[in-house]
Amino acid sequence: MHRQRPRPVSSRAIAALCSPSFFGALSAVVLVSCGDSGAPLTSPSPELPPTQGEEPDGPAGRYVGTVTIDGRQHYGDALVTVDGAVRLYVGGPYVDDGTVQKSRPDVSAQVIVYPDSVNNGGVVVWEGCCGDQSARLIKTVSSTGDLTGKVEIPSNEATWSFDLSSWDHHHDMPASLERLTGQYAEELAPFATDDDMVVNIDRNGVMFFQSAASGCTGNGTVRPHGDSSSNVYDVVLVIEGCNDPHSKWNGTHDGLATTSPSDYWSYDTLLRIWFANRHEWVEPRNAFLMSARLL
């Protein structure tokens, strides 16, 4: 399959992420909502939400490339399920070297569409603060397998465009908890501050981690998404015990996960999990990406 590498992003891209033009109408929300408002939950055994029925909504797959905001390009990493769920991570900068992003950006966001959404209605959720904005996702697949489209955010009349190339290395394999079992060194989570966090997943899909530096402890449940035909997993995670300034991460988060190599040429395994607070569970919402390498 042809893979068009994402276009290079200039070193100014990070500055754009942190600028008022990136946040748009969120500026006022940022001032009042970015504090450590999360509170620890008492339940260590999260329950997974019911799995939605499988109705093909295409184009299912994993995609990596660029998201353009106000004329500036940022890194994009998307997972699209067969039943229409979407998790599009937007961060930066992206270096066109054939690898999955390894650095932790200063500012990031996720565009989220749940399987039960109507007409691709979704939200944009920001990492660590700020609540969310309603959005609409419009997507198509080109003849070369690229995912292109736009994100419309009515509240500040913003439109983001995206151009993502297929990153399908593991996607067409069936989901397997046995294959997912192992220990992973976390590299991107905002509460894994000193590279001290190892994520454990056992054969029953029980997930656990602990960070000595941030105090965060995570207990989660992983299961294959839908009918297990694709290498995609539903994850629910309860984080407790985080100390300041990481206490904002205490709470219950749901997400989608998949695995892939870390670059075009490697045979290693990188676990990526797109997490966000489910809307009915907590306000204000936040989102984060976990990226962990199999040891």
C-alpha atoms as a PDB file:
ATOM      1  CA  MET A   1       0.000   0.000   0.000  1.00  0.00           C
ATOM      2  CA  HIS A   2       1.256   3.459  -0.868  1.00  0.00           C
ATOM      3  CA  ARG A   3       2.057   5.545   2.195  1.00  0.00           C
ATOM      4  CA  GLN A   4       2.463   9.258   1.760  1.00  0.00           C
ATOM      5  CA  ARG A   5       4.567  10.596   4.586  1.00  0.00           C
ATOM      6  CA  PRO A   6       3.133  13.638   6.317  1.00  0.00           C
ATOM      7  CA  ARG A   7       4.542  16.965   5.232  1.00  0.00           C
ATOM      8  CA  PRO A   8       7.259  18.468   7.480  1.00  0.00           C
ATOM      9  CA  VAL A   9       6.172  20.885  10.189  1.00  0.00           C
ATOM     10  CA  SER A  10       8.254  23.937  10.970  1.00  0.00           C
ATOM     11  CA  SER A  11       9.679  24.647  14.401  1.00  0.00           C
ATOM     12  CA  ARG A  12       7.093  27.425  14.729  1.00  0.00           C
ATOM     13  CA  ALA A  13       4.265  24.919  14.965  1.00  0.00           C
ATOM     14  CA  ILE A  14       4.552  24.563  18.732  1.00  0.00           C
ATOM     15  CA  ALA A  15       4.245  28.306  19.137  1.00  0.00           C
ATOM     16  CA  ALA A  16       0.993  28.190  17.196  1.00  0.00           C
ATOM     17  CA  LEU A  17      -0.412  25.549  19.551  1.00  0.00           C
ATOM     18  CA  CYS A  18       0.207  27.852  22.509  1.00  0.00           C
ATOM     19  CA  SER A  19      -1.096  30.984  20.799  1.00  0.00           C
ATOM     20  CA  PRO A  20      -4.526  32.584  21.288  1.00  0.00           C
ATOM     21  CA  SER A  21      -5.404  31.683  17.703  1.00  0.00           C
ATOM     22  CA  PHE A  22      -5.095  27.967  18.541  1.00  0.00           C
ATOM     23  CA  PHE A  23      -7.360  28.225  21.565  1.00  0.00           C
ATOM     24  CA  GLY A  24      -9.750  30.683  19.875  1.00  0.00           C
ATOM     25  CA  ALA A  25     -12.873  31.195  21.951  1.00  0.00           C
ATOM     26  CA  LEU A  26     -11.443  28.977  24.697  1.00  0.00           C
ATOM     27  CA  SER A  27      -9.253  31.785  26.049  1.00  0.00           C
ATOM     28  CA  ALA A  28     -11.710  32.760  28.753  1.00  0.00           C
ATOM     29  CA  VAL A  29     -12.367  29.124  29.636  1.00  0.00           C
ATOM     30  CA  VAL A  30      -8.653  28.483  30.040  1.00  0.00           C
ATOM     31  CA  LEU A  31      -8.403  31.151  32.706  1.00  0.00           C
ATOM     32  CA  VAL A  32     -11.094  29.628  34.906  1.00  0.00           C
ATOM     33  CA  SER A  33     -10.856  25.899  34.237  1.00  0.00           C
ATOM     34  CA  CYS A  34      -7.209  24.867  34.113  1.00  0.00           C
ATOM     35  CA  GLY A  35      -6.737  24.358  37.834  1.00  0.00           C
ATOM     36  CA  ASP A  36      -6.347  20.990  39.535  1.00  0.00           C
ATOM     37  CA  SER A  37     -10.060  20.407  39.902  1.00  0.00           C
ATOM     38  CA  GLY A  38     -10.021  16.631  39.612  1.00  0.00           C
ATOM     39  CA  ALA A  39     -10.889  14.605  42.707  1.00  0.00           C
ATOM     40  CA  PRO A  40      -9.810  11.028  43.399  1.00  0.00           C
ATOM     41  CA  LEU A  41     -12.463   8.375  42.900  1.00  0.00           C
ATOM     42  CA  THR A  42     -12.980   5.646  45.457  1.00  0.00           C
ATOM     43  CA  SER A  43     -13.763   2.782  43.077  1.00  0.00           C
ATOM     44  CA  PRO A  44     -10.655   0.834  42.009  1.00  0.00           C
ATOM     45  CA  SER A  45     -12.635  -1.409  39.613  1.00  0.00           C
ATOM     46  CA  PRO A  46     -13.923   0.563  36.628  1.00  0.00           C
ATOM     47  CA  GLU A  47     -16.775  -0.867  34.593  1.00  0.00           C
ATOM     48  CA  LEU A  48     -16.604  -0.741  30.820  1.00  0.00           C
ATOM     49  CA  PRO A  49     -19.477   0.964  28.989  1.00  0.00           C
ATOM     50  CA  PRO A  50     -21.656  -1.321  26.850  1.00  0.00           C
ATOM     51  CA  THR A  51     -20.254  -2.050  23.399  1.00  0.00           C
ATOM     52  CA  GLN A  52     -22.164  -0.397  20.570  1.00  0.00           C
ATOM     53  CA  GLY A  53     -23.564  -2.440  17.703  1.00  0.00           C
ATOM     54  CA  GLU A  54     -21.295  -2.732  14.690  1.00  0.00           C
ATOM     55  CA  GLU A  55     -22.664  -0.615  11.847  1.00  0.00           C
ATOM     56  CA  PRO A  56     -19.962   0.139   9.246  1.00  0.00           C
ATOM     57  CA  ASP A  57     -19.419   3.883   9.069  1.00  0.00           C
ATOM     58  CA  GLY A  58     -15.889   3.848   7.566  1.00  0.00           C
ATOM     59  CA  PRO A  59     -13.176   4.545   6.994  1.00  0.00           C
ATOM     60  CA  ALA A  60     -11.873   2.331   9.807  1.00  0.00           C
ATOM     61  CA  GLY A  61      -8.121   2.355  10.399  1.00  0.00           C
ATOM     62  CA  ARG A  62      -5.138   4.095  11.987  1.00  0.00           C
ATOM     63  CA  TYR A  63      -3.802   7.291  10.422  1.00  0.00           C
ATOM     64  CA  VAL A  64      -0.853   9.616  11.109  1.00  0.00           C
ATOM     65  CA  GLY A  65      -0.130  12.992   9.519  1.00  0.00           C
ATOM     66  CA  THR A  66      -0.840  16.695   9.877  1.00  0.00           C
ATOM     67  CA  VAL A  67      -3.661  18.876  11.189  1.00  0.00           C
ATOM     68  CA  THR A  68      -3.679  22.454   9.906  1.00  0.00           C
ATOM     69  CA  ILE A  69      -4.931  25.204  12.221  1.00  0.00           C
ATOM     70  CA  ASP A  70      -4.782  28.861  11.157  1.00  0.00           C
ATOM     71  CA  GLY A  71      -2.388  27.961   8.377  1.00  0.00           C
ATOM     72  CA  ARG A  72       0.056  26.098  10.635  1.00  0.00           C
ATOM     73  CA  GLN A  73       0.593  22.355  10.621  1.00  0.00           C
ATOM     74  CA  HIS A  74       0.520  20.172  13.732  1.00  0.00           C
ATOM     75  CA  TYR A  75       0.962  16.465  14.381  1.00  0.00           C
ATOM     76  CA  GLY A  76      -2.165  14.308  14.029  1.00  0.00           C
ATOM     77  CA  ASP A  77      -2.683  10.687  15.120  1.00  0.00           C
ATOM     78  CA  ALA A  78      -6.130   9.183  14.548  1.00  0.00           C
ATOM     79  CA  LEU A  79      -7.926   5.918  15.259  1.00  0.00           C
ATOM     80  CA  VAL A  80     -11.242   5.291  13.463  1.00  0.00           C
ATOM     81  CA  THR A  81     -13.363   2.244  14.343  1.00  0.00           C
ATOM     82  CA  VAL A  82     -15.755   0.332  12.109  1.00  0.00           C
ATOM     83  CA  ASP A  83     -18.735   1.538  14.166  1.00  0.00           C
ATOM     84  CA  GLY A  84     -17.863   5.188  13.683  1.00  0.00           C
ATOM     85  CA  ALA A  85     -15.876   6.114  16.816  1.00  0.00           C
ATOM     86  CA  VAL A  86     -13.018   8.551  16.205  1.00  0.00           C
ATOM     87  CA  ARG A  87     -10.105   9.680  18.375  1.00  0.00           C
ATOM     88  CA  LEU A  88      -7.928  12.299  16.662  1.00  0.00           C
ATOM     89  CA  TYR A  89      -4.984  13.510  18.729  1.00  0.00           C
ATOM     90  CA  VAL A  90      -3.604  16.935  17.778  1.00  0.00           C
ATOM     91  CA  GLY A  91      -0.190  17.984  19.106  1.00  0.00           C
ATOM     92  CA  GLY A  92       3.099  19.155  17.768  1.00  0.00           C
ATOM     93  CA  PRO A  93       5.508  19.524  16.262  1.00  0.00           C
ATOM     94  CA  TYR A  94       5.746  16.590  13.847  1.00  0.00           C
ATOM     95  CA  VAL A  95       9.104  15.579  12.390  1.00  0.00           C
ATOM     96  CA  ASP A  96       8.799  13.764   9.050  1.00  0.00           C
ATOM     97  CA  ASP A  97      11.203  10.947   9.875  1.00  0.00           C
ATOM     98  CA  GLY A  98       8.839   7.980   9.544  1.00  0.00           C
ATOM     99  CA  THR A  99       8.235   7.606  13.282  1.00  0.00           C
ATOM    100  CA  VAL A 100       5.266   7.929  15.599  1.00  0.00           C
ATOM    101  CA  GLN A 101       5.592  11.104  17.670  1.00  0.00           C
ATOM    102  CA  LYS A 102       7.832  10.569  20.686  1.00  0.00           C
ATOM    103  CA  SER A 103       7.953  14.001  22.358  1.00  0.00           C
ATOM    104  CA  ARG A 104       5.400  15.408  24.788  1.00  0.00           C
ATOM    105  CA  PRO A 105       3.948  18.694  23.432  1.00  0.00           C
ATOM    106  CA  ASP A 106       3.217  21.702  25.620  1.00  0.00           C
ATOM    107  CA  VAL A 107      -0.382  21.822  24.394  1.00  0.00           C
ATOM    108  CA  SER A 108      -2.523  19.120  22.810  1.00  0.00           C
ATOM    109  CA  ALA A 109      -6.146  18.260  22.139  1.00  0.00           C
ATOM    110  CA  GLN A 110      -8.354  15.408  20.995  1.00  0.00           C
ATOM    111  CA  VAL A 111     -11.243  15.439  18.567  1.00  0.00           C
ATOM    112  CA  ILE A 112     -13.669  12.761  19.780  1.00  0.00           C
ATOM    113  CA  VAL A 113     -16.658  11.216  18.035  1.00  0.00           C
ATOM    114  CA  TYR A 114     -18.499   8.476  19.934  1.00  0.00           C
ATOM    115  CA  PRO A 115     -20.226   5.563  18.126  1.00  0.00           C
ATOM    116  CA  ASP A 116     -23.668   6.851  19.117  1.00  0.00           C
ATOM    117  CA  SER A 117     -23.026  10.332  17.710  1.00  0.00           C
ATOM    118  CA  VAL A 118     -25.340  11.664  15.012  1.00  0.00           C
ATOM    119  CA  ASN A 119     -23.892  13.038  11.759  1.00  0.00           C
ATOM    120  CA  ASN A 120     -20.326  12.795  13.065  1.00  0.00           C
ATOM    121  CA  GLY A 121     -21.101  15.221  15.886  1.00  0.00           C
ATOM    122  CA  GLY A 122     -18.286  15.278  18.425  1.00  0.00           C
ATOM    123  CA  VAL A 123     -16.214  17.398  20.768  1.00  0.00           C
ATOM    124  CA  VAL A 124     -12.747  18.896  20.956  1.00  0.00           C
ATOM    125  CA  VAL A 125     -11.246  18.147  24.392  1.00  0.00           C
ATOM    126  CA  TRP A 126      -8.027  19.783  25.612  1.00  0.00           C
ATOM    127  CA  GLU A 127      -5.251  18.091  27.563  1.00  0.00           C
ATOM    128  CA  GLY A 128      -5.350  18.923  31.245  1.00  0.00           C
ATOM    129  CA  CYS A 129      -7.848  21.765  31.226  1.00  0.00           C
ATOM    130  CA  CYS A 130     -10.501  23.832  29.611  1.00  0.00           C
ATOM    131  CA  GLY A 131     -13.534  21.593  29.123  1.00  0.00           C
ATOM    132  CA  ASP A 132     -14.664  21.007  25.562  1.00  0.00           C
ATOM    133  CA  GLN A 133     -16.187  22.544  22.469  1.00  0.00           C
ATOM    134  CA  SER A 134     -18.807  20.987  20.209  1.00  0.00           C
ATOM    135  CA  ALA A 135     -17.460  20.016  16.806  1.00  0.00           C
ATOM    136  CA  ARG A 136     -18.370  18.223  13.580  1.00  0.00           C
ATOM    137  CA  LEU A 137     -15.976  15.899  11.781  1.00  0.00           C
ATOM    138  CA  ILE A 138     -16.089  15.511   7.993  1.00  0.00           C
ATOM    139  CA  LYS A 139     -13.810  12.793   6.613  1.00  0.00           C
ATOM    140  CA  THR A 140     -13.054  11.005   3.354  1.00  0.00           C
ATOM    141  CA  VAL A 141     -10.493   8.461   2.156  1.00  0.00           C
ATOM    142  CA  SER A 142      -8.497   9.223  -0.979  1.00  0.00           C
ATOM    143  CA  SER A 143      -7.574   6.741  -3.703  1.00  0.00           C
ATOM    144  CA  THR A 144      -4.164   6.307  -2.039  1.00  0.00           C
ATOM    145  CA  GLY A 145      -5.713   5.424   1.344  1.00  0.00           C
ATOM    146  CA  ASP A 146      -5.105   8.801   2.995  1.00  0.00           C
ATOM    147  CA  LEU A 147      -7.708  10.163   5.439  1.00  0.00           C
ATOM    148  CA  THR A 148      -8.552  13.777   4.711  1.00  0.00           C
ATOM    149  CA  GLY A 149     -11.210  16.132   5.949  1.00  0.00           C
ATOM    150  CA  LYS A 150     -11.970  18.911   8.380  1.00  0.00           C
ATOM    151  CA  VAL A 151     -13.139  19.636  11.914  1.00  0.00           C
ATOM    152  CA  GLU A 152     -15.729  22.391  12.221  1.00  0.00           C
ATOM    153  CA  ILE A 153     -15.978  24.184  15.603  1.00  0.00           C
ATOM    154  CA  PRO A 154     -19.054  26.470  15.479  1.00  0.00           C
ATOM    155  CA  SER A 155     -18.458  28.269  18.808  1.00  0.00           C
ATOM    156  CA  ASN A 156     -15.512  30.237  17.415  1.00  0.00           C
ATOM    157  CA  GLU A 157     -16.184  29.699  13.695  1.00  0.00           C
ATOM    158  CA  ALA A 158     -12.965  27.701  13.384  1.00  0.00           C
ATOM    159  CA  THR A 159     -12.181  24.997  10.855  1.00  0.00           C
ATOM    160  CA  TRP A 160      -9.232  22.615  11.168  1.00  0.00           C
ATOM    161  CA  SER A 161      -8.189  20.557   8.148  1.00  0.00           C
ATOM    162  CA  PHE A 162      -6.351  17.250   8.343  1.00  0.00           C
ATOM    163  CA  ASP A 163      -4.315  15.133   5.924  1.00  0.00           C
ATOM    164  CA  LEU A 164      -3.390  11.764   7.437  1.00  0.00           C
ATOM    165  CA  SER A 165      -1.634   8.789   5.856  1.00  0.00           C
ATOM    166  CA  SER A 166      -2.533   5.180   6.577  1.00  0.00           C
ATOM    167  CA  TRP A 167      -0.560   3.676   9.477  1.00  0.00           C
ATOM    168  CA  ASP A 168      -2.133   0.232   9.168  1.00  0.00           C
ATOM    169  CA  HIS A 169       0.743  -1.999  10.291  1.00  0.00           C
ATOM    170  CA  HIS A 170      -1.237  -3.869  12.984  1.00  0.00           C
ATOM    171  CA  HIS A 171      -4.779  -2.619  12.406  1.00  0.00           C
ATOM    172  CA  ASP A 172      -6.101  -5.531  10.349  1.00  0.00           C
ATOM    173  CA  MET A 173      -4.987  -8.151  12.871  1.00  0.00           C
ATOM    174  CA  PRO A 174      -7.778  -9.374  15.190  1.00  0.00           C
ATOM    175  CA  ALA A 175      -7.705  -7.994  18.711  1.00  0.00           C
ATOM    176  CA  SER A 176      -6.041 -10.350  21.194  1.00  0.00           C
ATOM    177  CA  LEU A 177      -5.621  -9.860  24.938  1.00  0.00           C
ATOM    178  CA  GLU A 178      -2.986 -12.578  24.923  1.00  0.00           C
ATOM    179  CA  ARG A 179      -0.911 -10.653  22.390  1.00  0.00           C
ATOM    180  CA  LEU A 180      -1.444  -7.417  24.344  1.00  0.00           C
ATOM    181  CA  THR A 181      -0.252  -8.979  27.604  1.00  0.00           C
ATOM    182  CA  GLY A 182       3.036  -7.586  28.902  1.00  0.00           C
ATOM    183  CA  GLN A 183       4.876  -4.670  30.490  1.00  0.00           C
ATOM    184  CA  TYR A 184       5.140  -1.326  28.703  1.00  0.00           C
ATOM    185  CA  ALA A 185       7.418   1.639  29.459  1.00  0.00           C
ATOM    186  CA  GLU A 186       5.275   4.781  29.323  1.00  0.00           C
ATOM    187  CA  GLU A 187       6.760   7.677  27.339  1.00  0.00           C
ATOM    188  CA  LEU A 188       4.114  10.389  26.792  1.00  0.00           C
ATOM    189  CA  ALA A 189       1.546  10.472  29.617  1.00  0.00           C
ATOM    190  CA  PRO A 190       1.647  13.862  31.390  1.00  0.00           C
ATOM    191  CA  PHE A 191       1.839  12.191  34.813  1.00  0.00           C
ATOM    192  CA  ALA A 192       4.796   9.920  33.900  1.00  0.00           C
ATOM    193  CA  THR A 193       7.208  12.696  34.760  1.00  0.00           C
ATOM    194  CA  ASP A 194      10.522  10.885  35.277  1.00  0.00           C
ATOM    195  CA  ASP A 195      10.115   7.971  32.876  1.00  0.00           C
ATOM    196  CA  ASP A 196       9.389   5.937  35.990  1.00  0.00           C
ATOM    197  CA  MET A 197       6.109   4.364  34.941  1.00  0.00           C
ATOM    198  CA  VAL A 198       5.594   0.810  33.703  1.00  0.00           C
ATOM    199  CA  VAL A 199       2.131  -0.198  32.481  1.00  0.00           C
ATOM    200  CA  ASN A 200       1.152  -3.825  33.176  1.00  0.00           C
ATOM    201  CA  ILE A 201      -1.594  -5.615  31.213  1.00  0.00           C
ATOM    202  CA  ASP A 202      -2.418  -9.222  32.094  1.00  0.00           C
ATOM    203  CA  ARG A 203      -4.182 -11.942  30.068  1.00  0.00           C
ATOM    204  CA  ASN A 204      -7.548 -10.971  31.530  1.00  0.00           C
ATOM    205  CA  GLY A 205      -7.187  -7.377  30.339  1.00  0.00           C
ATOM    206  CA  VAL A 206      -6.471  -5.942  33.779  1.00  0.00           C
ATOM    207  CA  MET A 207      -4.304  -2.823  33.526  1.00  0.00           C
ATOM    208  CA  PHE A 208      -2.183  -1.337  36.321  1.00  0.00           C
ATOM    209  CA  PHE A 209       0.520   1.309  36.703  1.00  0.00           C
ATOM    210  CA  GLN A 210       2.067   3.494  39.393  1.00  0.00           C
ATOM    211  CA  SER A 211       4.315   6.557  39.161  1.00  0.00           C
ATOM    212  CA  ALA A 212       6.500   7.337  42.146  1.00  0.00           C
ATOM    213  CA  ALA A 213       7.189  10.892  40.985  1.00  0.00           C
ATOM    214  CA  SER A 214       3.581  11.990  40.409  1.00  0.00           C
ATOM    215  CA  GLY A 215       1.955   9.618  42.918  1.00  0.00           C
ATOM    216  CA  CYS A 216      -0.556   8.507  40.267  1.00  0.00           C
ATOM    217  CA  THR A 217      -1.893   4.959  40.438  1.00  0.00           C
ATOM    218  CA  GLY A 218      -3.955   3.559  37.586  1.00  0.00           C
ATOM    219  CA  ASN A 219      -6.349   0.593  37.615  1.00  0.00           C
ATOM    220  CA  GLY A 220      -8.043  -0.209  34.347  1.00  0.00           C
ATOM    221  CA  THR A 221      -9.835  -2.736  32.201  1.00  0.00           C
ATOM    222  CA  VAL A 222      -9.051  -3.519  28.553  1.00  0.00           C
ATOM    223  CA  ARG A 223     -11.233  -5.494  26.152  1.00  0.00           C
ATOM    224  CA  PRO A 224     -11.403  -5.958  22.363  1.00  0.00           C
ATOM    225  CA  HIS A 225     -13.560  -3.376  20.615  1.00  0.00           C
ATOM    226  CA  GLY A 226     -16.691  -4.644  18.893  1.00  0.00           C
ATOM    227  CA  ASP A 227     -16.357  -8.069  17.276  1.00  0.00           C
ATOM    228  CA  SER A 228     -12.543  -8.207  17.748  1.00  0.00           C
ATOM    229  CA  SER A 229     -11.935  -8.181  13.971  1.00  0.00           C
ATOM    230  CA  SER A 230      -9.539  -5.209  14.220  1.00  0.00           C
ATOM    231  CA  ASN A 231      -6.608  -4.562  16.548  1.00  0.00           C
ATOM    232  CA  VAL A 232      -8.586  -2.004  18.581  1.00  0.00           C
ATOM    233  CA  TYR A 233      -9.439  -2.093  22.302  1.00  0.00           C
ATOM    234  CA  ASP A 234     -11.846  -0.303  24.638  1.00  0.00           C
ATOM    235  CA  VAL A 235     -10.155   0.888  27.833  1.00  0.00           C
ATOM    236  CA  VAL A 236     -11.568   2.313  31.062  1.00  0.00           C
ATOM    237  CA  LEU A 237      -9.067   3.670  33.592  1.00  0.00           C
ATOM    238  CA  VAL A 238      -9.415   4.994  37.152  1.00  0.00           C
ATOM    239  CA  ILE A 239      -6.484   7.216  38.219  1.00  0.00           C
ATOM    240  CA  GLU A 240      -6.050   7.984  41.928  1.00  0.00           C
ATOM    241  CA  GLY A 241      -3.462   9.442  44.283  1.00  0.00           C
ATOM    242  CA  CYS A 242      -1.897  12.007  41.956  1.00  0.00           C
ATOM    243  CA  ASN A 243      -0.194  14.804  43.847  1.00  0.00           C
ATOM    244  CA  ASP A 244      -0.007  18.455  42.776  1.00  0.00           C
ATOM    245  CA  PRO A 245       0.392  19.575  40.045  1.00  0.00           C
ATOM    246  CA  HIS A 246      -0.864  16.255  38.646  1.00  0.00           C
ATOM    247  CA  SER A 247      -4.083  15.971  40.672  1.00  0.00           C
ATOM    248  CA  LYS A 248      -6.099  17.104  37.644  1.00  0.00           C
ATOM    249  CA  TRP A 249      -5.650  13.562  36.278  1.00  0.00           C
ATOM    250  CA  ASN A 250      -7.443  11.879  39.189  1.00  0.00           C
ATOM    251  CA  GLY A 251     -10.727  10.471  37.928  1.00  0.00           C
ATOM    252  CA  THR A 252     -12.272   8.004  35.488  1.00  0.00           C
ATOM    253  CA  HIS A 253     -11.277   8.049  31.829  1.00  0.00           C
ATOM    254  CA  ASP A 254     -12.357   5.994  28.840  1.00  0.00           C
ATOM    255  CA  GLY A 255     -10.410   5.474  25.657  1.00  0.00           C
ATOM    256  CA  LEU A 256      -9.475   3.517  22.572  1.00  0.00           C
ATOM    257  CA  ALA A 257      -6.180   1.682  22.195  1.00  0.00           C
ATOM    258  CA  THR A 258      -4.175   0.014  19.454  1.00  0.00           C
ATOM    259  CA  THR A 259      -0.609  -1.126  18.812  1.00  0.00           C
ATOM    260  CA  SER A 260       1.854  -0.493  15.994  1.00  0.00           C
ATOM    261  CA  PRO A 261       5.596  -0.335  15.372  1.00  0.00           C
ATOM    262  CA  SER A 262       7.217   2.933  16.435  1.00  0.00           C
ATOM    263  CA  ASP A 263       8.393   3.664  12.878  1.00  0.00           C
ATOM    264  CA  TYR A 264       8.237   2.391   9.290  1.00  0.00           C
ATOM    265  CA  TRP A 265      11.140  -0.013   9.703  1.00  0.00           C
ATOM    266  CA  SER A 266      10.989  -1.350  13.269  1.00  0.00           C
ATOM    267  CA  TYR A 267       9.448  -4.569  14.582  1.00  0.00           C
ATOM    268  CA  ASP A 268       8.887  -3.253  18.099  1.00  0.00           C
ATOM    269  CA  THR A 269       5.447  -2.725  19.675  1.00  0.00           C
ATOM    270  CA  LEU A 270       4.119   0.663  20.713  1.00  0.00           C
ATOM    271  CA  LEU A 271       0.834   0.817  22.658  1.00  0.00           C
ATOM    272  CA  ARG A 272      -1.155   4.028  22.046  1.00  0.00           C
ATOM    273  CA  ILE A 273      -4.236   4.880  24.139  1.00  0.00           C
ATOM    274  CA  TRP A 274      -6.412   7.939  23.463  1.00  0.00           C
ATOM    275  CA  PHE A 275      -8.050   8.859  26.808  1.00  0.00           C
ATOM    276  CA  ALA A 276     -10.695  11.416  27.785  1.00  0.00           C
ATOM    277  CA  ASN A 277     -13.282  11.934  30.504  1.00  0.00           C
ATOM    278  CA  ARG A 278     -16.659  10.654  29.391  1.00  0.00           C
ATOM    279  CA  HIS A 279     -19.048  13.635  29.311  1.00  0.00           C
ATOM    280  CA  GLU A 280     -21.585  12.303  31.777  1.00  0.00           C
ATOM    281  CA  TRP A 281     -18.893  11.319  34.282  1.00  0.00           C
ATOM    282  CA  VAL A 282     -17.087  14.544  35.135  1.00  0.00           C
ATOM    283  CA  GLU A 283     -16.710  18.241  34.343  1.00  0.00           C
ATOM    284  CA  PRO A 284     -14.545  19.987  33.292  1.00  0.00           C
ATOM    285  CA  ARG A 285     -13.325  17.411  30.780  1.00  0.00           C
ATOM    286  CA  ASN A 286      -9.750  16.755  29.822  1.00  0.00           C
ATOM    287  CA  ALA A 287      -7.893  14.402  27.517  1.00  0.00           C
ATOM    288  CA  PHE A 288      -4.453  12.821  27.270  1.00  0.00           C
ATOM    289  CA  LEU A 289      -2.509  10.340  25.188  1.00  0.00           C
ATOM    290  CA  MET A 290      -0.574   7.385  26.573  1.00  0.00           C
ATOM    291  CA  SER A 291       2.211   5.889  24.472  1.00  0.00           C
ATOM    292  CA  ALA A 292       4.129   2.956  25.907  1.00  0.00           C
ATOM    293  CA  ARG A 293       6.799   0.683  24.466  1.00  0.00           C
ATOM    294  CA  LEU A 294       6.670  -3.081  25.073  1.00  0.00           C
ATOM    295  CA  LEU A 295       9.619  -4.171  27.217  1.00  0.00           C
END
